N, C-alpha and C. Protein backbone atom coordinates (compact mmCIF):
# COMPACT_ATOMS: atom_id res chain seq x y z
N MET A 1 46.72 81.66 101.03
CA MET A 1 45.62 81.66 101.99
C MET A 1 46.08 82.22 103.31
N THR A 2 45.30 83.08 103.93
CA THR A 2 45.67 83.69 105.19
C THR A 2 44.81 83.16 106.30
N SER A 3 45.29 83.31 107.54
CA SER A 3 44.52 82.88 108.70
C SER A 3 43.54 83.96 109.08
N GLY A 4 42.79 83.72 110.17
CA GLY A 4 41.75 84.66 110.57
C GLY A 4 42.28 86.02 110.94
N CYS A 5 43.53 86.12 111.35
CA CYS A 5 44.06 87.42 111.74
C CYS A 5 44.67 88.16 110.56
N GLY A 6 44.62 87.56 109.36
CA GLY A 6 45.04 88.26 108.16
C GLY A 6 46.53 88.16 107.87
N VAL A 7 47.26 87.31 108.59
CA VAL A 7 48.69 87.16 108.35
C VAL A 7 48.95 85.75 107.83
N HIS A 8 49.66 85.65 106.73
CA HIS A 8 49.97 84.36 106.14
C HIS A 8 50.75 83.52 107.15
N PRO A 9 50.40 82.22 107.31
CA PRO A 9 51.08 81.38 108.31
C PRO A 9 52.59 81.35 108.14
N GLY A 10 53.04 81.28 106.88
CA GLY A 10 54.48 81.25 106.66
C GLY A 10 55.14 82.54 107.11
N ARG A 11 54.48 83.66 106.82
CA ARG A 11 55.03 84.94 107.24
C ARG A 11 55.04 85.05 108.76
N ARG A 12 53.98 84.52 109.41
CA ARG A 12 53.92 84.58 110.86
C ARG A 12 55.09 83.82 111.48
N ARG A 13 55.42 82.65 110.90
CA ARG A 13 56.54 81.87 111.42
C ARG A 13 57.85 82.64 111.30
N LEU A 14 58.02 83.31 110.17
CA LEU A 14 59.24 84.10 109.99
C LEU A 14 59.31 85.24 110.98
N MET A 15 58.15 85.89 111.23
CA MET A 15 58.12 86.99 112.18
C MET A 15 58.47 86.51 113.58
N LEU A 16 57.94 85.35 113.96
CA LEU A 16 58.21 84.82 115.29
C LEU A 16 59.68 84.44 115.43
N ALA A 17 60.23 83.85 114.37
CA ALA A 17 61.64 83.48 114.42
C ALA A 17 62.52 84.70 114.54
N GLY A 18 62.16 85.75 113.81
CA GLY A 18 62.95 86.97 113.88
C GLY A 18 62.87 87.61 115.24
N ALA A 19 61.68 87.59 115.84
CA ALA A 19 61.51 88.20 117.15
C ALA A 19 62.29 87.44 118.21
N ALA A 20 62.35 86.13 118.07
CA ALA A 20 63.08 85.34 119.06
C ALA A 20 64.56 85.66 119.04
N GLY A 21 65.10 85.94 117.84
CA GLY A 21 66.50 86.34 117.71
C GLY A 21 67.48 85.26 118.13
N LEU A 22 67.08 84.00 118.03
CA LEU A 22 67.94 82.93 118.50
C LEU A 22 68.78 82.33 117.40
N LEU A 23 68.29 82.30 116.19
CA LEU A 23 69.02 81.67 115.11
C LEU A 23 69.78 82.72 114.33
N VAL A 24 71.08 82.56 114.23
CA VAL A 24 71.91 83.53 113.53
C VAL A 24 72.21 83.00 112.15
N PRO A 25 71.69 83.64 111.08
CA PRO A 25 71.98 83.16 109.74
C PRO A 25 73.47 83.21 109.47
N ALA A 26 73.96 82.25 108.74
CA ALA A 26 75.38 82.23 108.41
C ALA A 26 75.54 81.64 107.02
N LYS A 27 76.53 82.13 106.28
CA LYS A 27 76.82 81.56 104.98
C LYS A 27 77.30 80.12 105.18
N ALA A 28 76.99 79.28 104.21
CA ALA A 28 77.31 77.87 104.36
C ALA A 28 78.80 77.65 104.61
N ALA A 29 79.64 78.51 104.00
CA ALA A 29 81.08 78.34 104.16
C ALA A 29 81.51 78.53 105.60
N ARG A 30 80.76 79.30 106.37
CA ARG A 30 81.15 79.57 107.75
C ARG A 30 80.38 78.75 108.75
N ALA A 31 79.28 78.14 108.34
CA ALA A 31 78.48 77.37 109.28
C ALA A 31 79.22 76.11 109.68
N GLY A 32 79.18 75.78 110.94
CA GLY A 32 79.86 74.58 111.40
C GLY A 32 79.91 74.54 112.90
N GLY A 33 80.65 73.62 113.42
CA GLY A 33 80.79 73.50 114.86
C GLY A 33 81.92 72.56 115.17
N GLN A 34 82.39 72.63 116.42
CA GLN A 34 83.47 71.75 116.82
C GLN A 34 83.03 70.29 116.66
N VAL A 35 83.97 69.46 116.27
CA VAL A 35 83.71 68.03 116.09
C VAL A 35 84.15 67.30 117.35
N GLU A 36 83.29 66.42 117.87
CA GLU A 36 83.66 65.68 119.07
C GLU A 36 84.76 64.68 118.74
N GLU A 37 85.85 64.78 119.47
CA GLU A 37 86.99 63.90 119.27
C GLU A 37 87.37 63.27 120.60
N PRO A 38 87.99 62.09 120.57
CA PRO A 38 88.42 61.46 121.82
C PRO A 38 89.44 62.34 122.54
N LEU A 39 89.31 62.44 123.86
CA LEU A 39 90.26 63.19 124.67
C LEU A 39 90.99 62.24 125.60
N ALA A 40 92.30 62.38 125.66
CA ALA A 40 93.06 61.62 126.64
C ALA A 40 92.59 62.01 128.04
N ASP A 41 92.67 61.08 128.97
CA ASP A 41 92.20 61.36 130.33
C ASP A 41 92.91 62.56 130.93
N SER A 42 94.20 62.68 130.66
CA SER A 42 94.96 63.80 131.22
C SER A 42 94.49 65.13 130.64
N VAL A 43 94.18 65.13 129.34
CA VAL A 43 93.69 66.35 128.70
C VAL A 43 92.30 66.70 129.22
N ARG A 44 91.44 65.70 129.32
CA ARG A 44 90.09 65.93 129.82
C ARG A 44 90.14 66.50 131.25
N SER A 45 91.00 65.94 132.09
CA SER A 45 91.10 66.41 133.47
C SER A 45 91.62 67.84 133.53
N ALA A 46 92.61 68.15 132.69
CA ALA A 46 93.17 69.49 132.68
C ALA A 46 92.14 70.52 132.21
N LEU A 47 91.43 70.20 131.14
CA LEU A 47 90.41 71.12 130.63
C LEU A 47 89.27 71.27 131.63
N SER A 48 88.87 70.18 132.26
CA SER A 48 87.79 70.24 133.25
C SER A 48 88.17 71.12 134.43
N ALA A 49 89.43 71.04 134.86
CA ALA A 49 89.89 71.84 135.98
C ALA A 49 89.85 73.33 135.65
N VAL A 50 90.22 73.66 134.43
CA VAL A 50 90.19 75.07 134.01
C VAL A 50 88.76 75.58 133.96
N ILE A 51 87.86 74.77 133.42
CA ILE A 51 86.46 75.15 133.32
C ILE A 51 85.85 75.32 134.71
N ALA A 52 86.21 74.44 135.64
CA ALA A 52 85.58 74.43 136.96
C ALA A 52 86.05 75.56 137.86
N ASN A 53 87.18 76.17 137.55
CA ASN A 53 87.69 77.27 138.38
C ASN A 53 86.69 78.42 138.36
N SER A 54 86.12 78.73 139.52
CA SER A 54 85.03 79.70 139.59
C SER A 54 85.49 81.09 140.00
N ALA A 55 86.75 81.39 139.78
CA ALA A 55 87.25 82.72 140.15
C ALA A 55 86.47 83.80 139.41
N PRO A 56 86.13 84.89 140.09
CA PRO A 56 85.37 85.96 139.44
C PRO A 56 86.20 86.64 138.36
N PRO A 57 85.55 87.09 137.28
CA PRO A 57 86.30 87.69 136.16
C PRO A 57 86.74 89.11 136.44
N LYS A 58 87.56 89.29 137.45
CA LYS A 58 88.07 90.61 137.79
C LYS A 58 89.59 90.60 137.63
N PRO A 59 90.10 91.36 136.68
CA PRO A 59 91.55 91.35 136.44
C PRO A 59 92.31 92.03 137.57
N SER A 60 93.52 91.58 137.80
CA SER A 60 94.41 92.23 138.76
C SER A 60 95.67 92.64 138.01
N PHE A 61 96.28 93.72 138.44
CA PHE A 61 97.41 94.28 137.72
C PHE A 61 98.56 94.57 138.68
N PRO A 62 99.74 94.06 138.37
CA PRO A 62 100.89 94.31 139.25
C PRO A 62 101.41 95.74 139.15
N ARG A 63 101.12 96.41 138.03
CA ARG A 63 101.61 97.77 137.83
C ARG A 63 100.47 98.68 137.43
N ILE A 64 100.56 99.94 137.83
CA ILE A 64 99.53 100.91 137.49
C ILE A 64 99.46 101.11 135.98
N GLU A 65 100.61 100.98 135.30
CA GLU A 65 100.63 101.14 133.84
C GLU A 65 99.75 100.08 133.17
N ASP A 66 99.80 98.87 133.70
CA ASP A 66 98.99 97.80 133.12
C ASP A 66 97.50 98.06 133.32
N ARG A 67 97.17 98.58 134.47
CA ARG A 67 95.76 98.90 134.73
C ARG A 67 95.27 100.01 133.80
N LEU A 68 96.14 101.00 133.55
CA LEU A 68 95.76 102.09 132.65
C LEU A 68 95.55 101.58 131.23
N VAL A 69 96.39 100.64 130.80
CA VAL A 69 96.20 100.03 129.47
C VAL A 69 94.85 99.34 129.40
N TYR A 70 94.53 98.60 130.45
CA TYR A 70 93.24 97.90 130.50
C TYR A 70 92.08 98.88 130.43
N LEU A 71 92.14 99.96 131.19
CA LEU A 71 91.04 100.92 131.21
C LEU A 71 90.89 101.62 129.87
N ARG A 72 92.02 101.93 129.22
CA ARG A 72 91.93 102.55 127.89
C ARG A 72 91.34 101.57 126.89
N TRP A 73 91.78 100.32 126.96
CA TRP A 73 91.20 99.29 126.08
C TRP A 73 89.71 99.15 126.32
N LEU A 74 89.31 99.12 127.58
CA LEU A 74 87.91 98.96 127.92
C LEU A 74 87.08 100.10 127.34
N GLY A 75 87.56 101.33 127.47
CA GLY A 75 86.84 102.48 126.93
C GLY A 75 86.74 102.45 125.42
N GLU A 76 87.85 102.10 124.76
CA GLU A 76 87.86 102.06 123.29
C GLU A 76 86.95 100.96 122.76
N MET A 77 87.04 99.77 123.35
CA MET A 77 86.21 98.66 122.89
C MET A 77 84.73 98.92 123.19
N SER A 78 84.45 99.58 124.29
CA SER A 78 83.06 99.92 124.61
C SER A 78 82.47 100.82 123.54
N ASP A 79 83.27 101.78 123.08
CA ASP A 79 82.80 102.67 122.01
C ASP A 79 82.54 101.88 120.72
N ARG A 80 83.42 100.96 120.38
CA ARG A 80 83.27 100.19 119.14
C ARG A 80 82.09 99.22 119.21
N LEU A 81 81.79 98.77 120.41
CA LEU A 81 80.76 97.75 120.58
C LEU A 81 79.37 98.35 120.84
N ARG A 82 79.30 99.66 121.00
CA ARG A 82 78.05 100.30 121.43
C ARG A 82 76.88 99.98 120.51
N ARG A 83 77.10 99.99 119.21
CA ARG A 83 75.99 99.74 118.28
C ARG A 83 75.45 98.32 118.44
N ARG A 84 76.31 97.38 118.74
CA ARG A 84 75.89 95.98 118.87
C ARG A 84 75.33 95.67 120.25
N LYS A 85 75.82 96.40 121.27
CA LYS A 85 75.34 96.22 122.64
C LYS A 85 75.07 97.60 123.24
N PRO A 86 73.87 98.13 123.05
CA PRO A 86 73.59 99.51 123.47
C PRO A 86 73.64 99.73 124.99
N ASP A 87 73.31 98.72 125.78
CA ASP A 87 73.27 98.90 127.23
C ASP A 87 74.69 98.93 127.80
N LEU A 88 75.04 100.01 128.48
CA LEU A 88 76.41 100.20 128.96
C LEU A 88 76.82 99.12 129.96
N THR A 89 75.95 98.82 130.91
CA THR A 89 76.29 97.82 131.94
C THR A 89 76.56 96.46 131.31
N THR A 90 75.69 96.05 130.40
CA THR A 90 75.86 94.76 129.71
C THR A 90 77.14 94.75 128.89
N ARG A 91 77.42 95.86 128.24
CA ARG A 91 78.60 95.97 127.38
C ARG A 91 79.89 95.86 128.20
N LEU A 92 79.94 96.58 129.31
CA LEU A 92 81.14 96.55 130.13
C LEU A 92 81.34 95.19 130.79
N GLU A 93 80.25 94.58 131.23
CA GLU A 93 80.36 93.25 131.83
C GLU A 93 80.90 92.25 130.81
N PHE A 94 80.42 92.34 129.58
CA PHE A 94 80.90 91.46 128.52
C PHE A 94 82.39 91.67 128.28
N LEU A 95 82.81 92.92 128.15
CA LEU A 95 84.21 93.21 127.85
C LEU A 95 85.13 92.85 129.01
N GLU A 96 84.70 93.11 130.23
CA GLU A 96 85.50 92.74 131.40
C GLU A 96 85.71 91.23 131.45
N THR A 97 84.63 90.50 131.18
CA THR A 97 84.72 89.04 131.20
C THR A 97 85.60 88.53 130.07
N LEU A 98 85.45 89.13 128.88
CA LEU A 98 86.27 88.72 127.74
C LEU A 98 87.75 88.97 128.02
N TRP A 99 88.07 90.12 128.60
CA TRP A 99 89.46 90.41 128.94
C TRP A 99 90.00 89.32 129.87
N TYR A 100 89.23 89.02 130.90
CA TYR A 100 89.66 88.04 131.89
C TYR A 100 89.88 86.67 131.27
N GLU A 101 88.92 86.20 130.50
CA GLU A 101 88.99 84.84 129.96
C GLU A 101 90.04 84.70 128.87
N THR A 102 90.22 85.73 128.04
CA THR A 102 91.26 85.66 127.01
C THR A 102 92.65 85.71 127.64
N THR A 103 92.81 86.56 128.64
CA THR A 103 94.10 86.63 129.33
C THR A 103 94.41 85.30 130.01
N ARG A 104 93.42 84.74 130.63
CA ARG A 104 93.56 83.46 131.33
C ARG A 104 93.97 82.34 130.36
N ALA A 105 93.43 82.38 129.15
CA ALA A 105 93.72 81.34 128.16
C ALA A 105 94.92 81.67 127.28
N GLY A 106 95.48 82.87 127.43
CA GLY A 106 96.61 83.25 126.60
C GLY A 106 96.24 83.51 125.16
N LEU A 107 95.06 84.13 124.96
CA LEU A 107 94.58 84.42 123.62
C LEU A 107 94.53 85.92 123.37
N GLU A 108 94.69 86.30 122.12
CA GLU A 108 94.60 87.71 121.75
C GLU A 108 93.15 88.16 121.81
N LYS A 109 92.92 89.30 122.42
CA LYS A 109 91.55 89.78 122.61
C LYS A 109 90.88 90.13 121.29
N ALA A 110 91.62 90.78 120.38
CA ALA A 110 91.05 91.13 119.08
C ALA A 110 90.65 89.89 118.30
N LEU A 111 91.43 88.83 118.42
CA LEU A 111 91.11 87.58 117.73
C LEU A 111 89.79 87.00 118.24
N VAL A 112 89.62 86.96 119.55
CA VAL A 112 88.40 86.38 120.11
C VAL A 112 87.19 87.26 119.80
N LEU A 113 87.36 88.58 119.82
CA LEU A 113 86.27 89.46 119.43
C LEU A 113 85.89 89.24 117.97
N GLY A 114 86.89 89.07 117.11
CA GLY A 114 86.60 88.78 115.71
C GLY A 114 85.90 87.45 115.53
N LEU A 115 86.31 86.45 116.31
CA LEU A 115 85.66 85.14 116.24
C LEU A 115 84.20 85.24 116.67
N ILE A 116 83.95 85.98 117.75
CA ILE A 116 82.57 86.14 118.23
C ILE A 116 81.72 86.87 117.19
N GLN A 117 82.30 87.88 116.54
CA GLN A 117 81.56 88.60 115.51
C GLN A 117 81.14 87.65 114.38
N VAL A 118 82.05 86.79 113.95
CA VAL A 118 81.74 85.85 112.87
C VAL A 118 80.77 84.77 113.34
N GLU A 119 81.00 84.25 114.54
CA GLU A 119 80.21 83.11 115.03
C GLU A 119 78.77 83.49 115.38
N SER A 120 78.59 84.59 116.12
CA SER A 120 77.26 84.88 116.68
C SER A 120 76.80 86.30 116.50
N ALA A 121 77.63 87.16 115.88
CA ALA A 121 77.30 88.58 115.76
C ALA A 121 76.99 89.18 117.14
N PHE A 122 77.70 88.69 118.16
CA PHE A 122 77.58 89.19 119.54
C PHE A 122 76.19 88.94 120.13
N ARG A 123 75.54 87.85 119.71
CA ARG A 123 74.23 87.49 120.26
C ARG A 123 74.40 86.41 121.32
N LYS A 124 74.02 86.75 122.51
CA LYS A 124 74.21 85.85 123.66
C LYS A 124 73.48 84.52 123.50
N HIS A 125 72.29 84.55 122.92
CA HIS A 125 71.47 83.34 122.82
C HIS A 125 71.44 82.76 121.40
N ALA A 126 72.48 83.04 120.62
CA ALA A 126 72.54 82.50 119.26
C ALA A 126 72.62 80.97 119.28
N VAL A 127 71.91 80.35 118.35
CA VAL A 127 71.97 78.89 118.17
C VAL A 127 72.16 78.63 116.68
N SER A 128 73.19 77.86 116.34
CA SER A 128 73.46 77.58 114.93
C SER A 128 72.61 76.42 114.44
N ARG A 129 72.70 76.16 113.14
CA ARG A 129 71.94 75.06 112.54
C ARG A 129 72.39 73.70 113.05
N VAL A 130 73.61 73.63 113.60
CA VAL A 130 74.09 72.36 114.12
C VAL A 130 74.03 72.31 115.64
N GLY A 131 73.44 73.35 116.25
CA GLY A 131 73.22 73.32 117.69
C GLY A 131 74.26 74.02 118.53
N ALA A 132 75.26 74.66 117.91
CA ALA A 132 76.25 75.40 118.69
C ALA A 132 75.58 76.59 119.37
N ARG A 133 76.08 76.94 120.57
CA ARG A 133 75.35 77.88 121.40
C ARG A 133 76.18 79.08 121.85
N GLY A 134 75.48 80.21 121.96
CA GLY A 134 76.04 81.37 122.62
C GLY A 134 77.02 82.17 121.81
N TYR A 135 77.67 83.12 122.50
CA TYR A 135 78.59 84.04 121.86
C TYR A 135 79.64 83.32 121.01
N MET A 136 80.27 82.29 121.58
CA MET A 136 81.37 81.62 120.89
C MET A 136 80.94 80.31 120.25
N GLN A 137 79.62 80.09 120.15
CA GLN A 137 79.05 78.94 119.45
C GLN A 137 79.71 77.63 119.88
N VAL A 138 79.57 77.34 121.15
CA VAL A 138 80.12 76.12 121.74
C VAL A 138 79.15 74.97 121.53
N MET A 139 79.66 73.85 121.07
CA MET A 139 78.81 72.68 120.86
C MET A 139 78.44 72.05 122.21
N PRO A 140 77.20 71.59 122.36
CA PRO A 140 76.74 71.05 123.65
C PRO A 140 77.55 69.88 124.18
N PHE A 141 78.18 69.09 123.31
CA PHE A 141 78.91 67.92 123.82
C PHE A 141 80.05 68.31 124.76
N TRP A 142 80.54 69.56 124.65
CA TRP A 142 81.61 69.99 125.55
C TRP A 142 81.15 70.03 127.00
N SER A 143 79.87 70.31 127.22
CA SER A 143 79.36 70.30 128.59
C SER A 143 79.51 68.92 129.22
N ARG A 144 79.32 67.90 128.41
CA ARG A 144 79.45 66.53 128.90
C ARG A 144 80.92 66.14 129.07
N LEU A 145 81.77 66.58 128.14
CA LEU A 145 83.17 66.17 128.16
C LEU A 145 83.96 66.83 129.28
N ILE A 146 83.77 68.14 129.47
CA ILE A 146 84.62 68.86 130.42
C ILE A 146 83.84 69.75 131.38
N GLY A 147 82.51 69.72 131.29
CA GLY A 147 81.68 70.53 132.18
C GLY A 147 80.87 69.68 133.13
N ASP A 148 79.73 70.23 133.55
CA ASP A 148 78.88 69.50 134.50
C ASP A 148 77.72 68.78 133.81
N GLY A 149 77.74 68.76 132.47
CA GLY A 149 76.72 68.04 131.73
C GLY A 149 75.47 68.82 131.42
N ASP A 150 75.43 70.11 131.78
CA ASP A 150 74.25 70.93 131.55
C ASP A 150 74.50 71.91 130.41
N PRO A 151 74.08 71.59 129.18
CA PRO A 151 74.35 72.48 128.04
C PRO A 151 73.62 73.80 128.12
N ALA A 152 72.56 73.89 128.94
CA ALA A 152 71.83 75.16 129.07
C ALA A 152 72.73 76.26 129.61
N LYS A 153 73.75 75.88 130.37
CA LYS A 153 74.66 76.87 130.95
C LYS A 153 75.54 77.54 129.91
N LEU A 154 75.56 76.98 128.70
CA LEU A 154 76.36 77.60 127.64
C LEU A 154 75.79 78.93 127.20
N PHE A 155 74.58 79.26 127.63
CA PHE A 155 74.01 80.58 127.35
C PHE A 155 74.40 81.60 128.41
N HIS A 156 75.04 81.15 129.49
CA HIS A 156 75.55 82.07 130.51
C HIS A 156 76.82 82.71 129.97
N MET A 157 76.93 84.02 130.08
CA MET A 157 78.01 84.74 129.41
C MET A 157 79.39 84.23 129.79
N GLN A 158 79.72 84.24 131.08
CA GLN A 158 81.06 83.83 131.47
C GLN A 158 81.33 82.37 131.14
N THR A 159 80.33 81.52 131.34
CA THR A 159 80.50 80.11 131.02
C THR A 159 80.81 79.92 129.54
N ASN A 160 80.07 80.62 128.68
CA ASN A 160 80.28 80.49 127.24
C ASN A 160 81.65 81.00 126.83
N LEU A 161 82.04 82.16 127.34
CA LEU A 161 83.34 82.71 126.98
C LEU A 161 84.46 81.83 127.51
N ARG A 162 84.27 81.27 128.70
CA ARG A 162 85.30 80.39 129.25
C ARG A 162 85.44 79.13 128.40
N PHE A 163 84.33 78.47 128.11
CA PHE A 163 84.38 77.28 127.27
C PHE A 163 85.03 77.61 125.93
N GLY A 164 84.57 78.68 125.28
CA GLY A 164 85.09 79.03 123.97
C GLY A 164 86.59 79.28 123.98
N CYS A 165 87.06 80.03 124.97
CA CYS A 165 88.49 80.33 125.05
C CYS A 165 89.31 79.09 125.38
N VAL A 166 88.81 78.26 126.28
CA VAL A 166 89.52 77.03 126.64
C VAL A 166 89.59 76.09 125.43
N ILE A 167 88.50 75.99 124.68
CA ILE A 167 88.48 75.12 123.51
C ILE A 167 89.43 75.62 122.43
N LEU A 168 89.41 76.94 122.17
CA LEU A 168 90.31 77.49 121.16
C LEU A 168 91.77 77.31 121.58
N ARG A 169 92.06 77.51 122.86
CA ARG A 169 93.42 77.29 123.36
C ARG A 169 93.83 75.83 123.18
N HIS A 170 92.90 74.92 123.46
CA HIS A 170 93.15 73.48 123.28
C HIS A 170 93.46 73.17 121.82
N TYR A 171 92.70 73.75 120.90
CA TYR A 171 92.94 73.50 119.49
C TYR A 171 94.27 74.10 119.03
N LEU A 172 94.62 75.27 119.57
CA LEU A 172 95.91 75.86 119.25
C LEU A 172 97.05 74.94 119.70
N ASP A 173 96.91 74.39 120.89
CA ASP A 173 97.94 73.47 121.38
C ASP A 173 98.00 72.21 120.50
N MET A 174 96.83 71.70 120.11
CA MET A 174 96.80 70.53 119.24
C MET A 174 97.50 70.80 117.91
N GLU A 175 97.31 72.03 117.40
CA GLU A 175 97.87 72.40 116.10
C GLU A 175 99.24 73.05 116.22
N LYS A 176 99.84 72.95 117.42
CA LYS A 176 101.20 73.46 117.65
C LYS A 176 101.33 74.94 117.29
N GLY A 177 100.31 75.70 117.66
CA GLY A 177 100.35 77.15 117.46
C GLY A 177 99.89 77.63 116.10
N ASN A 178 99.50 76.73 115.22
CA ASN A 178 99.05 77.13 113.88
C ASN A 178 97.62 77.66 113.99
N LEU A 179 97.49 78.98 113.96
CA LEU A 179 96.19 79.61 114.19
C LEU A 179 95.21 79.31 113.07
N PHE A 180 95.68 79.27 111.84
CA PHE A 180 94.82 78.96 110.71
C PHE A 180 94.15 77.60 110.90
N MET A 181 94.93 76.60 111.25
CA MET A 181 94.39 75.25 111.42
C MET A 181 93.53 75.16 112.67
N ALA A 182 93.92 75.87 113.72
CA ALA A 182 93.13 75.84 114.96
C ALA A 182 91.76 76.45 114.76
N LEU A 183 91.69 77.55 114.01
CA LEU A 183 90.39 78.17 113.73
C LEU A 183 89.53 77.24 112.89
N GLY A 184 90.13 76.60 111.91
CA GLY A 184 89.38 75.65 111.11
C GLY A 184 88.82 74.51 111.94
N ARG A 185 89.62 74.03 112.88
CA ARG A 185 89.15 72.96 113.76
C ARG A 185 88.02 73.46 114.66
N TYR A 186 88.13 74.70 115.11
CA TYR A 186 87.08 75.28 115.96
C TYR A 186 85.74 75.31 115.23
N ASN A 187 85.80 75.58 113.94
CA ASN A 187 84.59 75.68 113.13
C ASN A 187 84.17 74.35 112.51
N GLY A 188 84.97 73.31 112.69
CA GLY A 188 84.65 72.04 112.06
C GLY A 188 84.97 72.02 110.58
N SER A 189 85.87 72.90 110.14
CA SER A 189 86.22 72.97 108.72
C SER A 189 87.74 73.01 108.55
N ARG A 190 88.43 72.21 109.32
CA ARG A 190 89.90 72.21 109.34
C ARG A 190 90.46 72.05 107.93
N GLY A 191 91.40 72.96 107.59
CA GLY A 191 92.06 72.91 106.30
C GLY A 191 91.43 73.80 105.25
N ARG A 192 90.21 74.28 105.50
CA ARG A 192 89.55 75.19 104.56
C ARG A 192 89.82 76.63 104.99
N SER A 193 89.82 77.54 104.04
CA SER A 193 90.24 78.91 104.32
C SER A 193 89.10 79.87 104.66
N GLU A 194 87.85 79.52 104.31
CA GLU A 194 86.77 80.50 104.43
C GLU A 194 86.60 81.01 105.86
N TYR A 195 86.55 80.10 106.81
CA TYR A 195 86.31 80.52 108.19
C TYR A 195 87.49 81.27 108.79
N PRO A 196 88.72 80.74 108.74
CA PRO A 196 89.84 81.52 109.25
C PRO A 196 89.96 82.90 108.60
N ASP A 197 89.75 82.97 107.29
CA ASP A 197 89.83 84.26 106.61
C ASP A 197 88.78 85.24 107.14
N ALA A 198 87.58 84.73 107.42
CA ALA A 198 86.52 85.59 107.95
C ALA A 198 86.88 86.10 109.33
N VAL A 199 87.45 85.24 110.17
CA VAL A 199 87.84 85.66 111.52
C VAL A 199 88.99 86.66 111.46
N PHE A 200 89.97 86.41 110.61
CA PHE A 200 91.10 87.33 110.48
C PHE A 200 90.62 88.71 110.01
N ALA A 201 89.66 88.73 109.09
CA ALA A 201 89.12 90.01 108.61
C ALA A 201 88.38 90.74 109.73
N ALA A 202 87.56 90.01 110.48
CA ALA A 202 86.82 90.63 111.58
C ALA A 202 87.76 91.09 112.69
N ARG A 203 88.83 90.37 112.91
CA ARG A 203 89.80 90.73 113.95
C ARG A 203 90.31 92.15 113.76
N LYS A 204 90.50 92.56 112.51
CA LYS A 204 91.06 93.89 112.24
C LYS A 204 90.20 95.01 112.83
N LEU A 205 88.90 94.74 113.00
CA LEU A 205 88.01 95.75 113.55
C LEU A 205 88.19 95.94 115.05
N TRP A 206 88.91 95.02 115.70
CA TRP A 206 89.01 95.04 117.16
C TRP A 206 90.44 95.18 117.67
N VAL A 207 91.38 95.38 116.77
CA VAL A 207 92.77 95.57 117.19
C VAL A 207 92.90 96.89 117.93
N TYR A 208 93.63 96.86 119.03
CA TYR A 208 93.85 98.07 119.82
C TYR A 208 95.35 98.23 120.04
N ASP A 209 95.91 99.33 119.57
CA ASP A 209 97.33 99.59 119.71
C ASP A 209 97.55 100.85 120.54
N PRO A 210 97.68 100.72 121.85
CA PRO A 210 97.89 101.90 122.69
C PRO A 210 99.27 102.49 122.49
N ALA A 211 99.39 103.75 122.79
CA ALA A 211 100.70 104.39 122.71
C ALA A 211 101.59 103.81 123.81
N PRO A 212 102.89 103.64 123.54
CA PRO A 212 103.78 103.10 124.56
C PRO A 212 103.78 103.96 125.81
N GLY A 213 103.78 103.31 126.96
CA GLY A 213 103.84 104.02 128.24
C GLY A 213 105.27 104.21 128.67
N PRO A 214 105.48 104.72 129.89
CA PRO A 214 106.83 104.99 130.38
C PRO A 214 107.71 103.75 130.43
N SER A 215 107.08 102.58 130.62
CA SER A 215 107.87 101.35 130.75
C SER A 215 107.95 100.57 129.45
N GLY A 216 107.51 101.19 128.35
CA GLY A 216 107.57 100.48 127.08
C GLY A 216 106.20 100.16 126.55
N SER A 217 106.19 99.58 125.36
CA SER A 217 104.91 99.30 124.71
C SER A 217 104.17 98.15 125.38
N PRO A 218 102.85 98.34 125.66
CA PRO A 218 102.06 97.26 126.24
C PRO A 218 101.26 96.49 125.21
N GLN A 219 101.64 96.62 123.94
CA GLN A 219 100.82 96.04 122.88
C GLN A 219 100.63 94.54 123.03
N ALA A 220 101.60 93.86 123.56
CA ALA A 220 101.50 92.40 123.64
C ALA A 220 100.38 91.94 124.55
N THR A 221 99.93 92.79 125.48
CA THR A 221 98.88 92.38 126.41
C THR A 221 97.55 93.03 126.13
N SER A 222 97.46 93.85 125.09
CA SER A 222 96.25 94.63 124.90
C SER A 222 95.44 94.24 123.68
N GLY A 223 95.99 93.37 122.82
CA GLY A 223 95.30 93.05 121.58
C GLY A 223 93.98 92.40 121.81
């Protein structure tokens, strides 16, 4: 049975959901979210301090060679990301912020780009079936634990990338550097291989290996 406008109600709901672009379909093996766990007061304070630092996401470089590596990375990643983010200004702002936040957290850039691809397909306003939000699919409880209590801010680009990178760094520290286990914990599927394997596969699409400069290879800072 159709409504007066000739469109089946069920189809109309699907059309509206698609137009909103907020829900990102995911295979059951990859669907999940961080699990709320007790935090020691010292850990909570340290994470909160990192989140609260409002420094602008503008990288600084002690050497011109480092800046050139950054600019080459920015150009290459912009080309790779163009299909997913057609607007140049939006694309560059995203990449500049990602560089800043990953460097700040001591994370590999290709890894975080791969994680974002798996988690949200680079959709700023993605919401999972369990309520995780934004590019890095941060669970709202983190706003209460280490933020200002406003989960709506998780849709803000820098806020989301900062939370995501800080959380992943926290999980890496908890797992003593074991990336496989840390990724599983990030997804709420610790010990299972599906999610880490998906992130590792996506990471390969974002690896950047610049040619060594006069002072040696900068690969350690450009991934």
